[in-house]
Amino acid sequence: MTTIDSALESVMELDFKSREILLEILQKRQVEARRNKMAKTASQTLKEYQAGKLQPLTADEVVKKLNSL
């Protein structure tokens, strides 16, 4: 298994431009992964709502629940 330190050492062996390109690729992949996670969560939540497992809440109820976290 690659450690963060060994990965960083390898990356730092690249030239400046290559590191910039790698950084851009990583950022785009992170954004895409975050989008996919959000889409999956939204899809699952919609299925649960349609199955009657979730009930709609008013804005005040949502704020109250969020404040209790």
PDB file of N, CA and C in Angstrom:
ATOM      1  N   MET A   1       0.843  -1.191   0.000  1.00  0.00           N
ATOM      2  CA  MET A   1       0.000   0.000   0.000  1.00  0.00           C
ATOM      3  C   MET A   1       0.880   1.244   0.000  1.00  0.00           C
ATOM      4  N   THR A   2       0.524   2.200  -0.800  1.00  0.00           N
ATOM      5  CA  THR A   2       1.264   3.441  -0.902  1.00  0.00           C
ATOM      6  C   THR A   2       0.863   4.378   0.233  1.00  0.00           C
ATOM      7  N   THR A   3       1.840   4.962   0.884  1.00  0.00           N
ATOM      8  CA  THR A   3       1.549   5.940   1.927  1.00  0.00           C
ATOM      9  C   THR A   3       1.496   7.327   1.298  1.00  0.00           C
ATOM     10  N   ILE A   4       0.931   8.246   2.025  1.00  0.00           N
ATOM     11  CA  ILE A   4       0.876   9.616   1.530  1.00  0.00           C
ATOM     12  C   ILE A   4       2.288  10.161   1.347  1.00  0.00           C
ATOM     13  N   ASP A   5       3.157   9.861   2.306  1.00  0.00           N
ATOM     14  CA  ASP A   5       4.536  10.354   2.199  1.00  0.00           C
ATOM     15  C   ASP A   5       5.227   9.834   0.942  1.00  0.00           C
ATOM     16  N   SER A   6       5.078   8.534   0.666  1.00  0.00           N
ATOM     17  CA  SER A   6       5.757   7.997  -0.519  1.00  0.00           C
ATOM     18  C   SER A   6       5.129   8.536  -1.804  1.00  0.00           C
ATOM     19  N   ALA A   7       3.812   8.742  -1.785  1.00  0.00           N
ATOM     20  CA  ALA A   7       3.155   9.324  -2.956  1.00  0.00           C
ATOM     21  C   ALA A   7       3.648  10.752  -3.177  1.00  0.00           C
ATOM     22  N   LEU A   8       3.768  11.521  -2.109  1.00  0.00           N
ATOM     23  CA  LEU A   8       4.253  12.895  -2.224  1.00  0.00           C
ATOM     24  C   LEU A   8       5.692  12.939  -2.717  1.00  0.00           C
ATOM     25  N   GLU A   9       6.498  12.023  -2.229  1.00  0.00           N
ATOM     26  CA  GLU A   9       7.886  11.980  -2.697  1.00  0.00           C
ATOM     27  C   GLU A   9       7.931  11.718  -4.204  1.00  0.00           C
ATOM     28  N   SER A  10       7.102  10.795  -4.662  1.00  0.00           N
ATOM     29  CA  SER A  10       7.065  10.494  -6.102  1.00  0.00           C
ATOM     30  C   SER A  10       6.585  11.688  -6.901  1.00  0.00           C
ATOM     31  N   VAL A  11       5.560  12.348  -6.405  1.00  0.00           N
ATOM     32  CA  VAL A  11       5.009  13.506  -7.111  1.00  0.00           C
ATOM     33  C   VAL A  11       6.045  14.622  -7.186  1.00  0.00           C
ATOM     34  N   MET A  12       6.776  14.824  -6.114  1.00  0.00           N
ATOM     35  CA  MET A  12       7.758  15.901  -6.091  1.00  0.00           C
ATOM     36  C   MET A  12       8.929  15.636  -7.035  1.00  0.00           C
ATOM     37  N   GLU A  13       9.061  14.424  -7.518  1.00  0.00           N
ATOM     38  CA  GLU A  13      10.089  14.119  -8.517  1.00  0.00           C
ATOM     39  C   GLU A  13       9.674  14.600  -9.912  1.00  0.00           C
ATOM     40  N   LEU A  14       8.379  14.884 -10.074  1.00  0.00           N
ATOM     41  CA  LEU A  14       7.890  15.392 -11.357  1.00  0.00           C
ATOM     42  C   LEU A  14       8.316  16.849 -11.528  1.00  0.00           C
ATOM     43  N   ASP A  15       8.360  17.299 -12.761  1.00  0.00           N
ATOM     44  CA  ASP A  15       8.661  18.711 -12.999  1.00  0.00           C
ATOM     45  C   ASP A  15       7.450  19.559 -12.606  1.00  0.00           C
ATOM     46  N   PHE A  16       7.669  20.845 -12.475  1.00  0.00           N
ATOM     47  CA  PHE A  16       6.650  21.776 -11.992  1.00  0.00           C
ATOM     48  C   PHE A  16       5.348  21.677 -12.797  1.00  0.00           C
ATOM     49  N   LYS A  17       5.451  21.714 -14.114  1.00  0.00           N
ATOM     50  CA  LYS A  17       4.261  21.681 -14.977  1.00  0.00           C
ATOM     51  C   LYS A  17       3.488  20.384 -14.781  1.00  0.00           C
ATOM     52  N   SER A  18       4.189  19.269 -14.678  1.00  0.00           N
ATOM     53  CA  SER A  18       3.524  17.977 -14.474  1.00  0.00           C
ATOM     54  C   SER A  18       2.788  17.945 -13.138  1.00  0.00           C
ATOM     55  N   ARG A  19       3.384  18.558 -12.116  1.00  0.00           N
ATOM     56  CA  ARG A  19       2.707  18.619 -10.809  1.00  0.00           C
ATOM     57  C   ARG A  19       1.448  19.463 -10.898  1.00  0.00           C
ATOM     58  N   GLU A  20       1.511  20.556 -11.661  1.00  0.00           N
ATOM     59  CA  GLU A  20       0.313  21.386 -11.843  1.00  0.00           C
ATOM     60  C   GLU A  20      -0.791  20.610 -12.548  1.00  0.00           C
ATOM     61  N   ILE A  21      -0.426  19.870 -13.578  1.00  0.00           N
ATOM     62  CA  ILE A  21      -1.400  19.058 -14.317  1.00  0.00           C
ATOM     63  C   ILE A  21      -2.000  17.997 -13.398  1.00  0.00           C
ATOM     64  N   LEU A  22      -1.148  17.336 -12.620  1.00  0.00           N
ATOM     65  CA  LEU A  22      -1.615  16.312 -11.680  1.00  0.00           C
ATOM     66  C   LEU A  22      -2.580  16.915 -10.669  1.00  0.00           C
ATOM     67  N   LEU A  23      -2.253  18.076 -10.147  1.00  0.00           N
ATOM     68  CA  LEU A  23      -3.122  18.752  -9.189  1.00  0.00           C
ATOM     69  C   LEU A  23      -4.491  19.046  -9.804  1.00  0.00           C
ATOM     70  N   GLU A  24      -4.498  19.528 -11.027  1.00  0.00           N
ATOM     71  CA  GLU A  24      -5.753  19.832 -11.720  1.00  0.00           C
ATOM     72  C   GLU A  24      -6.586  18.560 -11.922  1.00  0.00           C
ATOM     73  N   ILE A  25      -5.928  17.486 -12.315  1.00  0.00           N
ATOM     74  CA  ILE A  25      -6.630  16.206 -12.510  1.00  0.00           C
ATOM     75  C   ILE A  25      -7.229  15.727 -11.194  1.00  0.00           C
ATOM     76  N   LEU A  26      -6.452  15.791 -10.117  1.00  0.00           N
ATOM     77  CA  LEU A  26      -6.940  15.351  -8.810  1.00  0.00           C
ATOM     78  C   LEU A  26      -8.132  16.177  -8.347  1.00  0.00           C
ATOM     79  N   GLN A  27      -8.061  17.490  -8.551  1.00  0.00           N
ATOM     80  CA  GLN A  27      -9.170  18.356  -8.153  1.00  0.00           C
ATOM     81  C   GLN A  27     -10.439  18.017  -8.934  1.00  0.00           C
ATOM     82  N   LYS A  28     -10.297  17.792 -10.231  1.00  0.00           N
ATOM     83  CA  LYS A  28     -11.463  17.453 -11.046  1.00  0.00           C
ATOM     84  C   LYS A  28     -12.045  16.098 -10.643  1.00  0.00           C
ATOM     85  N   ARG A  29     -11.182  15.146 -10.328  1.00  0.00           N
ATOM     86  CA  ARG A  29     -11.663  13.836  -9.900  1.00  0.00           C
ATOM     87  C   ARG A  29     -12.366  13.920  -8.554  1.00  0.00           C
ATOM     88  N   GLN A  30     -11.863  14.770  -7.670  1.00  0.00           N
ATOM     89  CA  GLN A  30     -12.516  14.946  -6.375  1.00  0.00           C
ATOM     90  C   GLN A  30     -13.907  15.562  -6.553  1.00  0.00           C
ATOM     91  N   VAL A  31     -14.009  16.545  -7.414  1.00  0.00           N
ATOM     92  CA  VAL A  31     -15.311  17.173  -7.688  1.00  0.00           C
ATOM     93  C   VAL A  31     -16.275  16.124  -8.240  1.00  0.00           C
ATOM     94  N   GLU A  32     -15.811  15.318  -9.183  1.00  0.00           N
ATOM     95  CA  GLU A  32     -16.655  14.285  -9.777  1.00  0.00           C
ATOM     96  C   GLU A  32     -17.067  13.245  -8.739  1.00  0.00           C
ATOM     97  N   ALA A  33     -16.150  12.852  -7.879  1.00  0.00           N
ATOM     98  CA  ALA A  33     -16.469  11.879  -6.834  1.00  0.00           C
ATOM     99  C   ALA A  33     -17.507  12.447  -5.871  1.00  0.00           C
ATOM    100  N   ARG A  34     -17.360  13.727  -5.533  1.00  0.00           N
ATOM    101  CA  ARG A  34     -18.321  14.383  -4.647  1.00  0.00           C
ATOM    102  C   ARG A  34     -19.698  14.439  -5.310  1.00  0.00           C
ATOM    103  N   ARG A  35     -19.742  14.769  -6.599  1.00  0.00           N
ATOM    104  CA  ARG A  35     -21.011  14.799  -7.333  1.00  0.00           C
ATOM    105  C   ARG A  35     -21.671  13.431  -7.340  1.00  0.00           C
ATOM    106  N   ASN A  36     -20.873  12.397  -7.614  1.00  0.00           N
ATOM    107  CA  ASN A  36     -21.417  11.042  -7.643  1.00  0.00           C
ATOM    108  C   ASN A  36     -21.973  10.631  -6.289  1.00  0.00           C
ATOM    109  N   LYS A  37     -21.268  10.992  -5.227  1.00  0.00           N
ATOM    110  CA  LYS A  37     -21.741  10.663  -3.878  1.00  0.00           C
ATOM    111  C   LYS A  37     -23.056  11.381  -3.580  1.00  0.00           C
ATOM    112  N   MET A  38     -23.130  12.651  -3.957  1.00  0.00           N
ATOM    113  CA  MET A  38     -24.350  13.419  -3.726  1.00  0.00           C
ATOM    114  C   MET A  38     -25.512  12.849  -4.535  1.00  0.00           C
ATOM    115  N   ALA A  39     -25.261  12.466  -5.773  1.00  0.00           N
ATOM    116  CA  ALA A  39     -26.308  11.896  -6.620  1.00  0.00           C
ATOM    117  C   ALA A  39     -26.802  10.577  -6.045  1.00  0.00           C
ATOM    118  N   LYS A  40     -25.894   9.762  -5.557  1.00  0.00           N
ATOM    119  CA  LYS A  40     -26.272   8.478  -4.966  1.00  0.00           C
ATOM    120  C   LYS A  40     -27.122   8.690  -3.714  1.00  0.00           C
ATOM    121  N   THR A  41     -26.694   9.625  -2.877  1.00  0.00           N
ATOM    122  CA  THR A  41     -27.446   9.935  -1.664  1.00  0.00           C
ATOM    123  C   THR A  41     -28.831  10.478  -2.011  1.00  0.00           C
ATOM    124  N   ALA A  42     -28.897  11.366  -2.978  1.00  0.00           N
ATOM    125  CA  ALA A  42     -30.179  11.943  -3.380  1.00  0.00           C
ATOM    126  C   ALA A  42     -31.106  10.869  -3.943  1.00  0.00           C
ATOM    127  N   SER A  43     -30.565   9.982  -4.750  1.00  0.00           N
ATOM    128  CA  SER A  43     -31.367   8.907  -5.326  1.00  0.00           C
ATOM    129  C   SER A  43     -31.913   7.987  -4.239  1.00  0.00           C
ATOM    130  N   GLN A  44     -31.052   7.625  -3.288  1.00  0.00           N
ATOM    131  CA  GLN A  44     -31.484   6.750  -2.195  1.00  0.00           C
ATOM    132  C   GLN A  44     -32.539   7.439  -1.331  1.00  0.00           C
ATOM    133  N   THR A  45     -32.335   8.713  -1.059  1.00  0.00           N
ATOM    134  CA  THR A  45     -33.296   9.462  -0.251  1.00  0.00           C
ATOM    135  C   THR A  45     -34.640   9.557  -0.958  1.00  0.00           C
ATOM    136  N   LEU A  46     -34.624   9.795  -2.257  1.00  0.00           N
ATOM    137  CA  LEU A  46     -35.862   9.862  -3.025  1.00  0.00           C
ATOM    138  C   LEU A  46     -36.599   8.525  -2.986  1.00  0.00           C
ATOM    139  N   LYS A  47     -35.873   7.437  -3.123  1.00  0.00           N
ATOM    140  CA  LYS A  47     -36.492   6.106  -3.047  1.00  0.00           C
ATOM    141  C   LYS A  47     -37.127   5.878  -1.680  1.00  0.00           C
ATOM    142  N   GLU A  48     -36.417   6.274  -0.613  1.00  0.00           N
ATOM    143  CA  GLU A  48     -36.965   6.119   0.739  1.00  0.00           C
ATOM    144  C   GLU A  48     -38.203   6.980   0.927  1.00  0.00           C
ATOM    145  N   TYR A  49     -38.187   8.186   0.393  1.00  0.00           N
ATOM    146  CA  TYR A  49     -39.349   9.069   0.496  1.00  0.00           C
ATOM    147  C   TYR A  49     -40.535   8.478  -0.255  1.00  0.00           C
ATOM    148  N   GLN A  50     -40.293   7.982  -1.473  1.00  0.00           N
ATOM    149  CA  GLN A  50     -41.368   7.407  -2.274  1.00  0.00           C
ATOM    150  C   GLN A  50     -41.913   6.138  -1.641  1.00  0.00           C
ATOM    151  N   ALA A  51     -41.087   5.440  -0.874  1.00  0.00           N
ATOM    152  CA  ALA A  51     -41.526   4.220  -0.186  1.00  0.00           C
ATOM    153  C   ALA A  51     -42.246   4.546   1.121  1.00  0.00           C
ATOM    154  N   GLY A  52     -42.335   5.831   1.453  1.00  0.00           N
ATOM    155  CA  GLY A  52     -43.037   6.232   2.663  1.00  0.00           C
ATOM    156  C   GLY A  52     -42.188   6.140   3.923  1.00  0.00           C
ATOM    157  N   LYS A  53     -40.895   5.963   3.763  1.00  0.00           N
ATOM    158  CA  LYS A  53     -40.007   5.850   4.921  1.00  0.00           C
ATOM    159  C   LYS A  53     -39.616   7.213   5.482  1.00  0.00           C
ATOM    160  N   LEU A  54     -39.829   8.267   4.707  1.00  0.00           N
ATOM    161  CA  LEU A  54     -39.505   9.622   5.138  1.00  0.00           C
ATOM    162  C   LEU A  54     -40.745  10.489   5.017  1.00  0.00           C
ATOM    163  N   GLN A  55     -40.837  11.439   5.912  1.00  0.00           N
ATOM    164  CA  GLN A  55     -41.973  12.349   5.879  1.00  0.00           C
ATOM    165  C   GLN A  55     -41.471  13.763   5.603  1.00  0.00           C
ATOM    166  N   PRO A  56     -42.258  14.533   4.885  1.00  0.00           N
ATOM    167  CA  PRO A  56     -41.838  15.918   4.624  1.00  0.00           C
ATOM    168  C   PRO A  56     -41.831  16.723   5.924  1.00  0.00           C
ATOM    169  N   LEU A  57     -40.921  17.696   6.004  1.00  0.00           N
ATOM    170  CA  LEU A  57     -40.818  18.563   7.168  1.00  0.00           C
ATOM    171  C   LEU A  57     -40.941  20.012   6.728  1.00  0.00           C
ATOM    172  N   THR A  58     -41.411  20.837   7.648  1.00  0.00           N
ATOM    173  CA  THR A  58     -41.440  22.269   7.371  1.00  0.00           C
ATOM    174  C   THR A  58     -40.019  22.800   7.515  1.00  0.00           C
ATOM    175  N   ALA A  59     -39.798  24.002   7.028  1.00  0.00           N
ATOM    176  CA  ALA A  59     -38.478  24.619   7.141  1.00  0.00           C
ATOM    177  C   ALA A  59     -38.083  24.773   8.608  1.00  0.00           C
ATOM    178  N   ASP A  60     -39.051  25.150   9.447  1.00  0.00           N
ATOM    179  CA  ASP A  60     -38.764  25.306  10.880  1.00  0.00           C
ATOM    180  C   ASP A  60     -38.341  23.983  11.510  1.00  0.00           C
ATOM    181  N   GLU A  61     -38.990  22.891  11.115  1.00  0.00           N
ATOM    182  CA  GLU A  61     -38.635  21.579  11.647  1.00  0.00           C
ATOM    183  C   GLU A  61     -37.222  21.171  11.221  1.00  0.00           C
ATOM    184  N   VAL A  62     -36.878  21.485   9.987  1.00  0.00           N
ATOM    185  CA  VAL A  62     -35.537  21.165   9.489  1.00  0.00           C
ATOM    186  C   VAL A  62     -34.490  21.949  10.262  1.00  0.00           C
ATOM    187  N   VAL A  63     -34.726  23.247  10.449  1.00  0.00           N
ATOM    188  CA  VAL A  63     -33.778  24.090  11.170  1.00  0.00           C
ATOM    189  C   VAL A  63     -33.628  23.582  12.603  1.00  0.00           C
ATOM    190  N   LYS A  64     -34.736  23.220  13.229  1.00  0.00           N
ATOM    191  CA  LYS A  64     -34.699  22.705  14.606  1.00  0.00           C
ATOM    192  C   LYS A  64     -33.852  21.434  14.679  1.00  0.00           C
ATOM    193  N   LYS A  65     -34.050  20.519  13.725  1.00  0.00           N
ATOM    194  CA  LYS A  65     -33.263  19.287  13.695  1.00  0.00           C
ATOM    195  C   LYS A  65     -31.788  19.578  13.466  1.00  0.00           C
ATOM    196  N   LEU A  66     -31.477  20.487  12.555  1.00  0.00           N
ATOM    197  CA  LEU A  66     -30.089  20.829  12.283  1.00  0.00           C
ATOM    198  C   LEU A  66     -29.422  21.461  13.506  1.00  0.00           C
ATOM    199  N   ASN A  67     -30.142  22.284  14.209  1.00  0.00           N
ATOM    200  CA  ASN A  67     -29.584  22.931  15.401  1.00  0.00           C
ATOM    201  C   ASN A  67     -29.346  21.943  16.535  1.00  0.00           C
ATOM    202  N   SER A  68     -30.040  20.818  16.515  1.00  0.00           N
ATOM    203  CA  SER A  68     -29.874  19.829  17.580  1.00  0.00           C
ATOM    204  C   SER A  68     -28.717  18.872  17.320  1.00  0.00           C
ATOM    205  N   LEU A  69     -28.093  18.971  16.156  1.00  0.00           N
ATOM    206  CA  LEU A  69     -26.967  18.084  15.851  1.00  0.00           C
ATOM    207  C   LEU A  69     -25.719  18.456  16.612  1.00  0.00           C
TER     208      LEU A  69
END
